[in-house]
PDB file of N, CA and C in Angstrom:
ATOM      1  N   MET A   1       0.818  -1.091  -0.015  1.00  0.00           N
ATOM      2  CA  MET A   1       0.014   0.038  -0.030  1.00  0.00           C
ATOM      3  C   MET A   1       0.859   1.236  -0.029  1.00  0.00           C
ATOM      4  N   HIS A   2       0.464   2.223  -0.855  1.00  0.00           N
ATOM      5  CA  HIS A   2       1.309   3.436  -0.909  1.00  0.00           C
ATOM      6  C   HIS A   2       0.305   4.606  -0.845  1.00  0.00           C
ATOM      7  N   ALA A   3       0.487   5.481   0.062  1.00  0.00           N
ATOM      8  CA  ALA A   3      -0.307   6.636   0.257  1.00  0.00           C
ATOM      9  C   ALA A   3       0.428   7.936  -0.167  1.00  0.00           C
ATOM     10  N   VAL A   4      -0.305   8.828  -0.821  1.00  0.00           N
ATOM     11  CA  VAL A   4       0.196  10.020  -1.282  1.00  0.00           C
ATOM     12  C   VAL A   4      -0.682  11.153  -0.834  1.00  0.00           C
ATOM     13  N   VAL A   5      -0.114  12.117  -0.079  1.00  0.00           N
ATOM     14  CA  VAL A   5      -0.886  13.250   0.435  1.00  0.00           C
ATOM     15  C   VAL A   5      -0.265  14.533  -0.204  1.00  0.00           C
ATOM     16  N   VAL A   6      -1.226  15.341  -0.936  1.00  0.00           N
ATOM     17  CA  VAL A   6      -0.783  16.415  -1.681  1.00  0.00           C
ATOM     18  C   VAL A   6      -1.621  17.635  -1.030  1.00  0.00           C
ATOM     19  N   THR A   7      -0.888  18.678  -0.733  1.00  0.00           N
ATOM     20  CA  THR A   7      -1.507  19.860  -0.279  1.00  0.00           C
ATOM     21  C   THR A   7      -1.181  21.014  -1.392  1.00  0.00           C
ATOM     22  N   ILE A   8      -2.250  21.625  -1.735  1.00  0.00           N
ATOM     23  CA  ILE A   8      -2.229  22.539  -2.796  1.00  0.00           C
ATOM     24  C   ILE A   8      -2.961  23.901  -2.431  1.00  0.00           C
ATOM     25  N   GLU A   9      -2.294  24.983  -2.625  1.00  0.00           N
ATOM     26  CA  GLU A   9      -2.827  26.305  -2.584  1.00  0.00           C
ATOM     27  C   GLU A   9      -2.982  26.871  -3.951  1.00  0.00           C
ATOM     28  N   VAL A  10      -4.107  27.394  -4.285  1.00  0.00           N
ATOM     29  CA  VAL A  10      -4.403  27.964  -5.696  1.00  0.00           C
ATOM     30  C   VAL A  10      -4.660  29.416  -5.626  1.00  0.00           C
ATOM     31  N   LEU A  11      -4.586  30.090  -6.675  1.00  0.00           N
ATOM     32  CA  LEU A  11      -4.877  31.460  -6.846  1.00  0.00           C
ATOM     33  C   LEU A  11      -6.451  31.609  -6.502  1.00  0.00           C
ATOM     34  N   PRO A  12      -6.748  32.618  -5.693  1.00  0.00           N
ATOM     35  CA  PRO A  12      -8.237  32.667  -5.315  1.00  0.00           C
ATOM     36  C   PRO A  12      -9.233  32.691  -6.480  1.00  0.00           C
ATOM     37  N   GLU A  13      -8.787  33.425  -7.507  1.00  0.00           N
ATOM     38  CA  GLU A  13      -9.659  33.558  -8.704  1.00  0.00           C
ATOM     39  C   GLU A  13      -9.704  32.202  -9.588  1.00  0.00           C
ATOM     40  N   LYS A  14      -8.952  31.224  -9.213  1.00  0.00           N
ATOM     41  CA  LYS A  14      -8.956  29.928  -9.928  1.00  0.00           C
ATOM     42  C   LYS A  14      -9.469  28.825  -9.107  1.00  0.00           C
ATOM     43  N   ARG A  15      -9.974  29.119  -7.906  1.00  0.00           N
ATOM     44  CA  ARG A  15     -10.489  28.037  -7.070  1.00  0.00           C
ATOM     45  C   ARG A  15     -11.559  27.214  -7.675  1.00  0.00           C
ATOM     46  N   ASN A  16     -12.600  27.703  -8.284  1.00  0.00           N
ATOM     47  CA  ASN A  16     -13.636  26.975  -8.833  1.00  0.00           C
ATOM     48  C   ASN A  16     -13.149  26.162  -9.965  1.00  0.00           C
ATOM     49  N   ALA A  17     -12.343  26.726 -10.834  1.00  0.00           N
ATOM     50  CA  ALA A  17     -11.817  25.997 -12.011  1.00  0.00           C
ATOM     51  C   ALA A  17     -10.936  24.853 -11.532  1.00  0.00           C
ATOM     52  N   PHE A  18     -10.137  25.084 -10.544  1.00  0.00           N
ATOM     53  CA  PHE A  18      -9.251  24.012 -10.050  1.00  0.00           C
ATOM     54  C   PHE A  18     -10.066  22.884  -9.440  1.00  0.00           C
ATOM     55  N   ARG A  19     -11.143  23.314  -8.650  1.00  0.00           N
ATOM     56  CA  ARG A  19     -12.065  22.248  -8.062  1.00  0.00           C
ATOM     57  C   ARG A  19     -12.633  21.330  -9.191  1.00  0.00           C
ATOM     58  N   ASP A  20     -13.132  21.922 -10.240  1.00  0.00           N
ATOM     59  CA  ASP A  20     -13.604  21.134 -11.326  1.00  0.00           C
ATOM     60  C   ASP A  20     -12.578  20.261 -11.939  1.00  0.00           C
ATOM     61  N   ALA A  21     -11.411  20.867 -12.225  1.00  0.00           N
ATOM     62  CA  ALA A  21     -10.299  19.990 -12.849  1.00  0.00           C
ATOM     63  C   ALA A  21      -9.779  18.868 -11.904  1.00  0.00           C
ATOM     64  N   ILE A  22      -9.640  19.111 -10.583  1.00  0.00           N
ATOM     65  CA  ILE A  22      -9.122  18.100  -9.768  1.00  0.00           C
ATOM     66  C   ILE A  22     -10.201  16.973  -9.566  1.00  0.00           C
ATOM     67  N   LEU A  23     -11.434  17.302  -9.499  1.00  0.00           N
ATOM     68  CA  LEU A  23     -12.505  16.262  -9.313  1.00  0.00           C
ATOM     69  C   LEU A  23     -12.496  15.385 -10.618  1.00  0.00           C
ATOM     70  N   THR A  24     -12.357  15.952 -11.775  1.00  0.00           N
ATOM     71  CA  THR A  24     -12.313  15.165 -13.085  1.00  0.00           C
ATOM     72  C   THR A  24     -11.083  14.308 -13.091  1.00  0.00           C
ATOM     73  N   ASN A  25      -9.895  14.845 -12.640  1.00  0.00           N
ATOM     74  CA  ASN A  25      -8.647  14.003 -12.544  1.00  0.00           C
ATOM     75  C   ASN A  25      -8.831  12.891 -11.590  1.00  0.00           C
ATOM     76  N   ALA A  26      -9.427  13.125 -10.450  1.00  0.00           N
ATOM     77  CA  ALA A  26      -9.593  12.057  -9.430  1.00  0.00           C
ATOM     78  C   ALA A  26     -10.496  10.951 -10.146  1.00  0.00           C
ATOM     79  N   ALA A  27     -11.718  11.282 -10.690  1.00  0.00           N
ATOM     80  CA  ALA A  27     -12.547  10.393 -11.236  1.00  0.00           C
ATOM     81  C   ALA A  27     -11.942   9.656 -12.248  1.00  0.00           C
ATOM     82  N   GLN A  28     -11.099  10.151 -13.186  1.00  0.00           N
ATOM     83  CA  GLN A  28     -10.327   9.429 -14.110  1.00  0.00           C
ATOM     84  C   GLN A  28      -9.447   8.492 -13.616  1.00  0.00           C
ATOM     85  N   SER A  29      -8.664   9.021 -12.622  1.00  0.00           N
ATOM     86  CA  SER A  29      -7.658   7.981 -11.902  1.00  0.00           C
ATOM     87  C   SER A  29      -8.350   6.783 -11.414  1.00  0.00           C
ATOM     88  N   LEU A  30      -9.505   7.007 -10.720  1.00  0.00           N
ATOM     89  CA  LEU A  30     -10.280   5.751 -10.199  1.00  0.00           C
ATOM     90  C   LEU A  30     -10.853   4.887 -11.225  1.00  0.00           C
ATOM     91  N   ALA A  31     -11.227   5.527 -12.293  1.00  0.00           N
ATOM     92  CA  ALA A  31     -11.920   4.802 -13.381  1.00  0.00           C
ATOM     93  C   ALA A  31     -10.976   3.922 -14.230  1.00  0.00           C
ATOM     94  N   ILE A  32      -9.723   4.459 -14.511  1.00  0.00           N
ATOM     95  CA  ILE A  32      -8.909   3.772 -15.565  1.00  0.00           C
ATOM     96  C   ILE A  32      -7.571   3.279 -14.982  1.00  0.00           C
ATOM     97  N   GLU A  33      -7.184   3.602 -13.749  1.00  0.00           N
ATOM     98  CA  GLU A  33      -5.954   3.100 -13.201  1.00  0.00           C
ATOM     99  C   GLU A  33      -6.235   1.992 -12.083  1.00  0.00           C
ATOM    100  N   PRO A  34      -5.942   0.647 -12.558  1.00  0.00           N
ATOM    101  CA  PRO A  34      -6.196  -0.376 -11.682  1.00  0.00           C
ATOM    102  C   PRO A  34      -5.425  -0.406 -10.367  1.00  0.00           C
ATOM    103  N   GLY A  35      -4.305   0.423 -10.266  1.00  0.00           N
ATOM    104  CA  GLY A  35      -3.561   0.437  -9.116  1.00  0.00           C
ATOM    105  C   GLY A  35      -3.939   1.564  -8.196  1.00  0.00           C
ATOM    106  N   CYS A  36      -4.945   2.445  -8.607  1.00  0.00           N
ATOM    107  CA  CYS A  36      -5.312   3.548  -7.779  1.00  0.00           C
ATOM    108  C   CYS A  36      -6.697   3.063  -7.065  1.00  0.00           C
ATOM    109  N   PHE A  37      -6.592   3.012  -5.743  1.00  0.00           N
ATOM    110  CA  PHE A  37      -7.690   2.516  -4.886  1.00  0.00           C
ATOM    111  C   PHE A  37      -8.552   3.606  -4.244  1.00  0.00           C
ATOM    112  N   THR A  38      -7.950   4.809  -3.969  1.00  0.00           N
ATOM    113  CA  THR A  38      -8.636   5.911  -3.293  1.00  0.00           C
ATOM    114  C   THR A  38      -8.070   7.233  -3.843  1.00  0.00           C
ATOM    115  N   PHE A  39      -8.908   8.115  -4.176  1.00  0.00           N
ATOM    116  CA  PHE A  39      -8.488   9.431  -4.597  1.00  0.00           C
ATOM    117  C   PHE A  39      -9.474  10.439  -4.045  1.00  0.00           C
ATOM    118  N   ASP A  40      -9.198  10.878  -2.750  1.00  0.00           N
ATOM    119  CA  ASP A  40     -10.162  11.774  -2.089  1.00  0.00           C
ATOM    120  C   ASP A  40      -9.572  13.176  -2.288  1.00  0.00           C
ATOM    121  N   VAL A  41     -10.579  14.087  -2.622  1.00  0.00           N
ATOM    122  CA  VAL A  41     -10.279  15.528  -2.742  1.00  0.00           C
ATOM    123  C   VAL A  41     -11.002  16.310  -1.574  1.00  0.00           C
ATOM    124  N   LEU A  42     -10.171  17.056  -0.698  1.00  0.00           N
ATOM    125  CA  LEU A  42     -10.832  17.789   0.327  1.00  0.00           C
ATOM    126  C   LEU A  42     -10.413  19.237   0.045  1.00  0.00           C
ATOM    127  N   GLU A  43     -11.402  20.154   0.452  1.00  0.00           N
ATOM    128  CA  GLU A  43     -11.197  21.552   0.198  1.00  0.00           C
ATOM    129  C   GLU A  43     -11.449  22.362   1.512  1.00  0.00           C
ATOM    130  N   SER A  44     -10.476  23.263   1.716  1.00  0.00           N
ATOM    131  CA  SER A  44     -10.609  24.229   2.857  1.00  0.00           C
ATOM    132  C   SER A  44     -11.875  25.017   2.799  1.00  0.00           C
ATOM    133  N   PRO A  45     -12.561  25.242   3.875  1.00  0.00           N
ATOM    134  CA  PRO A  45     -13.792  25.996   3.763  1.00  0.00           C
ATOM    135  C   PRO A  45     -13.459  27.593   3.666  1.00  0.00           C
ATOM    136  N   THR A  46     -12.259  27.871   4.121  1.00  0.00           N
ATOM    137  CA  THR A  46     -11.828  29.302   4.364  1.00  0.00           C
ATOM    138  C   THR A  46     -10.752  29.812   3.412  1.00  0.00           C
ATOM    139  N   GLU A  47      -9.953  28.848   2.873  1.00  0.00           N
ATOM    140  CA  GLU A  47      -8.745  29.311   2.031  1.00  0.00           C
ATOM    141  C   GLU A  47      -8.985  28.553   0.628  1.00  0.00           C
ATOM    142  N   PRO A  48      -8.264  29.109  -0.381  1.00  0.00           N
ATOM    143  CA  PRO A  48      -8.287  28.419  -1.710  1.00  0.00           C
ATOM    144  C   PRO A  48      -7.305  27.310  -1.687  1.00  0.00           C
ATOM    145  N   ALA A  49      -7.528  26.296  -0.848  1.00  0.00           N
ATOM    146  CA  ALA A  49      -6.564  25.214  -0.663  1.00  0.00           C
ATOM    147  C   ALA A  49      -7.239  23.895  -0.645  1.00  0.00           C
ATOM    148  N   PHE A  50      -6.447  22.879  -1.134  1.00  0.00           N
ATOM    149  CA  PHE A  50      -7.016  21.545  -1.319  1.00  0.00           C
ATOM    150  C   PHE A  50      -6.071  20.610  -0.726  1.00  0.00           C
ATOM    151  N   LEU A  51      -6.545  19.432  -0.235  1.00  0.00           N
ATOM    152  CA  LEU A  51      -5.818  18.346   0.133  1.00  0.00           C
ATOM    153  C   LEU A  51      -6.245  17.160  -0.456  1.00  0.00           C
ATOM    154  N   LEU A  52      -5.247  16.382  -1.150  1.00  0.00           N
ATOM    155  CA  LEU A  52      -5.608  15.189  -1.927  1.00  0.00           C
ATOM    156  C   LEU A  52      -4.984  14.045  -1.077  1.00  0.00           C
ATOM    157  N   TYR A  53      -5.801  13.052  -0.927  1.00  0.00           N
ATOM    158  CA  TYR A  53      -5.446  11.771  -0.218  1.00  0.00           C
ATOM    159  C   TYR A  53      -5.650  10.578  -1.162  1.00  0.00           C
ATOM    160  N   GLU A  54      -4.558   9.964  -1.593  1.00  0.00           N
ATOM    161  CA  GLU A  54      -4.517   9.072  -2.653  1.00  0.00           C
ATOM    162  C   GLU A  54      -3.884   7.706  -2.122  1.00  0.00           C
ATOM    163  N   ILE A  55      -4.473   6.544  -2.479  1.00  0.00           N
ATOM    164  CA  ILE A  55      -4.009   5.316  -2.049  1.00  0.00           C
ATOM    165  C   ILE A  55      -3.812   4.519  -3.275  1.00  0.00           C
ATOM    166  N   TYR A  56      -2.520   4.025  -3.464  1.00  0.00           N
ATOM    167  CA  TYR A  56      -2.147   3.161  -4.665  1.00  0.00           C
ATOM    168  C   TYR A  56      -1.722   1.765  -4.114  1.00  0.00           C
ATOM    169  N   ARG A  57      -1.831   0.899  -5.023  1.00  0.00           N
ATOM    170  CA  ARG A  57      -1.360  -0.496  -4.737  1.00  0.00           C
ATOM    171  C   ARG A  57       0.073  -0.533  -4.220  1.00  0.00           C
ATOM    172  N   ASP A  58       0.935   0.280  -4.845  1.00  0.00           N
ATOM    173  CA  ASP A  58       2.293   0.300  -4.450  1.00  0.00           C
ATOM    174  C   ASP A  58       2.938   1.594  -5.112  1.00  0.00           C
ATOM    175  N   ALA A  59       4.212   1.804  -4.872  1.00  0.00           N
ATOM    176  CA  ALA A  59       4.873   3.003  -5.382  1.00  0.00           C
ATOM    177  C   ALA A  59       4.929   2.952  -6.977  1.00  0.00           C
ATOM    178  N   ALA A  60       4.975   1.812  -7.543  1.00  0.00           N
ATOM    179  CA  ALA A  60       4.957   1.647  -9.016  1.00  0.00           C
ATOM    180  C   ALA A  60       3.681   2.062  -9.540  1.00  0.00           C
ATOM    181  N   ALA A  61       2.549   1.884  -8.807  1.00  0.00           N
ATOM    182  CA  ALA A  61       1.210   2.272  -9.281  1.00  0.00           C
ATOM    183  C   ALA A  61       1.058   3.782  -9.365  1.00  0.00           C
ATOM    184  N   PHE A  62       1.714   4.455  -8.289  1.00  0.00           N
ATOM    185  CA  PHE A  62       1.704   5.901  -8.252  1.00  0.00           C
ATOM    186  C   PHE A  62       2.552   6.507  -9.399  1.00  0.00           C
ATOM    187  N   LYS A  63       3.718   5.820  -9.683  1.00  0.00           N
ATOM    188  CA  LYS A  63       4.542   6.284 -10.845  1.00  0.00           C
ATOM    189  C   LYS A  63       3.783   6.164 -12.138  1.00  0.00           C
ATOM    190  N   ASP A  64       2.986   5.072 -12.311  1.00  0.00           N
ATOM    191  CA  ASP A  64       2.171   4.884 -13.492  1.00  0.00           C
ATOM    192  C   ASP A  64       1.111   6.009 -13.524  1.00  0.00           C
ATOM    193  N   HIS A  65       0.550   6.413 -12.395  1.00  0.00           N
ATOM    194  CA  HIS A  65      -0.431   7.536 -12.365  1.00  0.00           C
ATOM    195  C   HIS A  65       0.223   8.799 -12.980  1.00  0.00           C
ATOM    196  N   LEU A  66       1.442   9.029 -12.541  1.00  0.00           N
ATOM    197  CA  LEU A  66       2.119  10.313 -13.003  1.00  0.00           C
ATOM    198  C   LEU A  66       2.460  10.220 -14.520  1.00  0.00           C
ATOM    199  N   ALA A  67       2.432   9.121 -15.111  1.00  0.00           N
ATOM    200  CA  ALA A  67       2.758   8.927 -16.489  1.00  0.00           C
ATOM    201  C   ALA A  67       1.407   8.967 -17.371  1.00  0.00           C
ATOM    202  N   MET A  68       0.270   9.011 -16.678  1.00  0.00           N
ATOM    203  CA  MET A  68      -1.026   8.843 -17.459  1.00  0.00           C
ATOM    204  C   MET A  68      -1.296  10.214 -18.222  1.00  0.00           C
ATOM    205  N   ARG A  69      -1.926  10.038 -19.425  1.00  0.00           N
ATOM    206  CA  ARG A  69      -2.243  11.213 -20.181  1.00  0.00           C
ATOM    207  C   ARG A  69      -3.198  12.251 -19.490  1.00  0.00           C
ATOM    208  N   HIS A  70      -4.171  11.592 -18.827  1.00  0.00           N
ATOM    209  CA  HIS A  70      -5.152  12.545 -18.040  1.00  0.00           C
ATOM    210  C   HIS A  70      -4.468  13.367 -16.996  1.00  0.00           C
ATOM    211  N   PHE A  71      -3.385  12.787 -16.297  1.00  0.00           N
ATOM    212  CA  PHE A  71      -2.621  13.456 -15.320  1.00  0.00           C
ATOM    213  C   PHE A  71      -1.890  14.615 -15.979  1.00  0.00           C
ATOM    214  N   HIS A  72      -1.157  14.280 -17.092  1.00  0.00           N
ATOM    215  CA  HIS A  72      -0.373  15.345 -17.790  1.00  0.00           C
ATOM    216  C   HIS A  72      -1.379  16.504 -18.301  1.00  0.00           C
ATOM    217  N   ASP A  73      -2.512  16.140 -18.787  1.00  0.00           N
ATOM    218  CA  ASP A  73      -3.437  17.106 -19.178  1.00  0.00           C
ATOM    219  C   ASP A  73      -3.926  17.996 -18.056  1.00  0.00           C
ATOM    220  N   PHE A  74      -4.185  17.439 -16.924  1.00  0.00           N
ATOM    221  CA  PHE A  74      -4.580  18.100 -15.682  1.00  0.00           C
ATOM    222  C   PHE A  74      -3.465  19.028 -15.314  1.00  0.00           C
ATOM    223  N   ASP A  75      -2.253  18.502 -15.160  1.00  0.00           N
ATOM    224  CA  ASP A  75      -1.110  19.175 -14.786  1.00  0.00           C
ATOM    225  C   ASP A  75      -0.747  20.439 -15.679  1.00  0.00           C
ATOM    226  N   ARG A  76      -0.815  20.284 -16.918  1.00  0.00           N
ATOM    227  CA  ARG A  76      -0.620  21.339 -17.936  1.00  0.00           C
ATOM    228  C   ARG A  76      -1.728  22.439 -17.710  1.00  0.00           C
ATOM    229  N   ALA A  77      -2.929  21.967 -17.562  1.00  0.00           N
ATOM    230  CA  ALA A  77      -4.004  22.980 -17.537  1.00  0.00           C
ATOM    231  C   ALA A  77      -4.047  23.820 -16.265  1.00  0.00           C
ATOM    232  N   THR A  78      -3.501  23.227 -15.133  1.00  0.00           N
ATOM    233  CA  THR A  78      -3.690  23.870 -13.845  1.00  0.00           C
ATOM    234  C   THR A  78      -2.372  24.359 -13.181  1.00  0.00           C
ATOM    235  N   SER A  79      -1.217  24.064 -13.761  1.00  0.00           N
ATOM    236  CA  SER A  79       0.093  24.422 -13.044  1.00  0.00           C
ATOM    237  C   SER A  79       0.173  25.926 -12.862  1.00  0.00           C
ATOM    238  N   ALA A  80      -0.296  26.712 -13.741  1.00  0.00           N
ATOM    239  CA  ALA A  80      -0.194  28.217 -13.586  1.00  0.00           C
ATOM    240  C   ALA A  80      -1.106  28.718 -12.556  1.00  0.00           C
ATOM    241  N   TRP A  81      -2.065  27.961 -12.103  1.00  0.00           N
ATOM    242  CA  TRP A  81      -2.950  28.396 -11.029  1.00  0.00           C
ATOM    243  C   TRP A  81      -2.518  28.200  -9.671  1.00  0.00           C
ATOM    244  N   LEU A  82      -1.357  27.472  -9.502  1.00  0.00           N
ATOM    245  CA  LEU A  82      -0.867  27.091  -8.085  1.00  0.00           C
ATOM    246  C   LEU A  82      -0.014  28.150  -7.442  1.00  0.00           C
ATOM    247  N   VAL A  83      -0.321  28.340  -6.205  1.00  0.00           N
ATOM    248  CA  VAL A  83       0.571  29.121  -5.401  1.00  0.00           C
ATOM    249  C   VAL A  83       1.634  28.358  -4.721  1.00  0.00           C
ATOM    250  N   SER A  84       1.241  27.103  -4.315  1.00  0.00           N
ATOM    251  CA  SER A  84       2.086  26.141  -3.677  1.00  0.00           C
ATOM    252  C   SER A  84       1.615  24.733  -3.825  1.00  0.00           C
ATOM    253  N   LYS A  85       2.533  23.774  -3.812  1.00  0.00           N
ATOM    254  CA  LYS A  85       2.109  22.288  -3.924  1.00  0.00           C
ATOM    255  C   LYS A  85       3.179  21.594  -3.110  1.00  0.00           C
ATOM    256  N   LYS A  86       2.756  20.712  -2.313  1.00  0.00           N
ATOM    257  CA  LYS A  86       3.558  19.742  -1.531  1.00  0.00           C
ATOM    258  C   LYS A  86       3.171  18.417  -1.697  1.00  0.00           C
ATOM    259  N   VAL A  87       3.961  17.459  -2.129  1.00  0.00           N
ATOM    260  CA  VAL A  87       3.602  16.008  -2.204  1.00  0.00           C
ATOM    261  C   VAL A  87       4.400  15.322  -1.207  1.00  0.00           C
ATOM    262  N   ALA A  88       3.710  14.450  -0.439  1.00  0.00           N
ATOM    263  CA  ALA A  88       4.326  13.550   0.512  1.00  0.00           C
ATOM    264  C   ALA A  88       3.864  12.128   0.226  1.00  0.00           C
ATOM    265  N   GLU A  89       4.791  11.240   0.199  1.00  0.00           N
ATOM    266  CA  GLU A  89       4.559   9.804  -0.034  1.00  0.00           C
ATOM    267  C   GLU A  89       4.822   9.010   1.211  1.00  0.00           C
ATOM    268  N   TYR A  90       4.025   8.029   1.471  1.00  0.00           N
ATOM    269  CA  TYR A  90       4.068   7.204   2.705  1.00  0.00           C
ATOM    270  C   TYR A  90       3.934   5.664   2.294  1.00  0.00           C
ATOM    271  N   GLY A  91       4.740   4.767   2.820  1.00  0.00           N
ATOM    272  CA  GLY A  91       4.496   3.401   2.570  1.00  0.00           C
ATOM    273  C   GLY A  91       4.025   2.789   3.795  1.00  0.00           C
ATOM    274  N   ARG A  92       3.183   1.694   3.625  1.00  0.00           N
ATOM    275  CA  ARG A  92       2.594   1.049   4.767  1.00  0.00           C
ATOM    276  C   ARG A  92       3.626   0.164   5.407  1.00  0.00           C
ATOM    277  N   LEU A  93       3.686   0.182   6.781  1.00  0.00           N
ATOM    278  CA  LEU A  93       4.470  -0.688   7.593  1.00  0.00           C
ATOM    279  C   LEU A  93       3.897  -2.026   7.656  1.00  0.00           C
ATOM    280  N   GLU A  94       4.769  -3.077   7.530  1.00  0.00           N
ATOM    281  CA  GLU A  94       4.332  -4.401   7.572  1.00  0.00           C
ATOM    282  C   GLU A  94       3.739  -4.877   8.838  1.00  0.00           C
ATOM    283  N   SER A  95       2.589  -5.546   8.774  1.00  0.00           N
ATOM    284  CA  SER A  95       1.792  -5.759   9.885  1.00  0.00           C
ATOM    285  C   SER A  95       2.486  -6.631  11.027  1.00  0.00           C
ATOM    286  N   GLU A  96       3.409  -7.557  10.581  1.00  0.00           N
ATOM    287  CA  GLU A  96       4.049  -8.371  11.562  1.00  0.00           C
ATOM    288  C   GLU A  96       4.907  -7.463  12.397  1.00  0.00           C
ATOM    289  N   ARG A  97       5.510  -6.435  11.853  1.00  0.00           N
ATOM    290  CA  ARG A  97       6.374  -5.533  12.614  1.00  0.00           C
ATOM    291  C   ARG A  97       5.472  -4.813  13.645  1.00  0.00           C
ATOM    292  N   LEU A  98       4.254  -4.397  13.242  1.00  0.00           N
ATOM    293  CA  LEU A  98       3.459  -3.712  14.211  1.00  0.00           C
ATOM    294  C   LEU A  98       2.990  -4.612  15.285  1.00  0.00           C
ATOM    295  N   GLU A  99       2.804  -5.843  15.022  1.00  0.00           N
ATOM    296  CA  GLU A  99       2.157  -6.786  16.032  1.00  0.00           C
ATOM    297  C   GLU A  99       3.262  -7.405  16.901  1.00  0.00           C
ATOM    298  N   SER A 100       4.549  -7.418  16.459  1.00  0.00           N
ATOM    299  CA  SER A 100       5.495  -8.090  17.274  1.00  0.00           C
ATOM    300  C   SER A 100       5.801  -7.334  18.675  1.00  0.00           C
ATOM    301  N   LYS A 101       6.032  -8.212  19.638  1.00  0.00           N
ATOM    302  CA  LYS A 101       6.335  -7.714  20.958  1.00  0.00           C
ATOM    303  C   LYS A 101       7.737  -7.957  21.331  1.00  0.00           C
ATOM    304  N   PRO A 102       8.289  -6.922  22.111  1.00  0.00           N
ATOM    305  CA  PRO A 102       9.698  -7.077  22.431  1.00  0.00           C
ATOM    306  C   PRO A 102       9.967  -8.280  23.471  1.00  0.00           C
TER     307      PRO A 102
END
């Protein structure tokens, strides 16, 4: 399991356009990428800011996502609207390590 958390701040005047674009990108990711299990889009109620929470089968599936045409189209269309973007990736710890006792 591979989790990706993306925090994005957009230009205030592009908030609605970005919302539409990211929701389309998320729907396409879930529909056509077999390694994409979750793609949640959250929006700040007070700021032009978004949080993306994505779950992929593994790091390779996330890499595949970044190579998809729909992702490139989204990225090209929205990159000028961004004030900031931070991507953090997390790998799942193995359950036997979590359950082992000293």
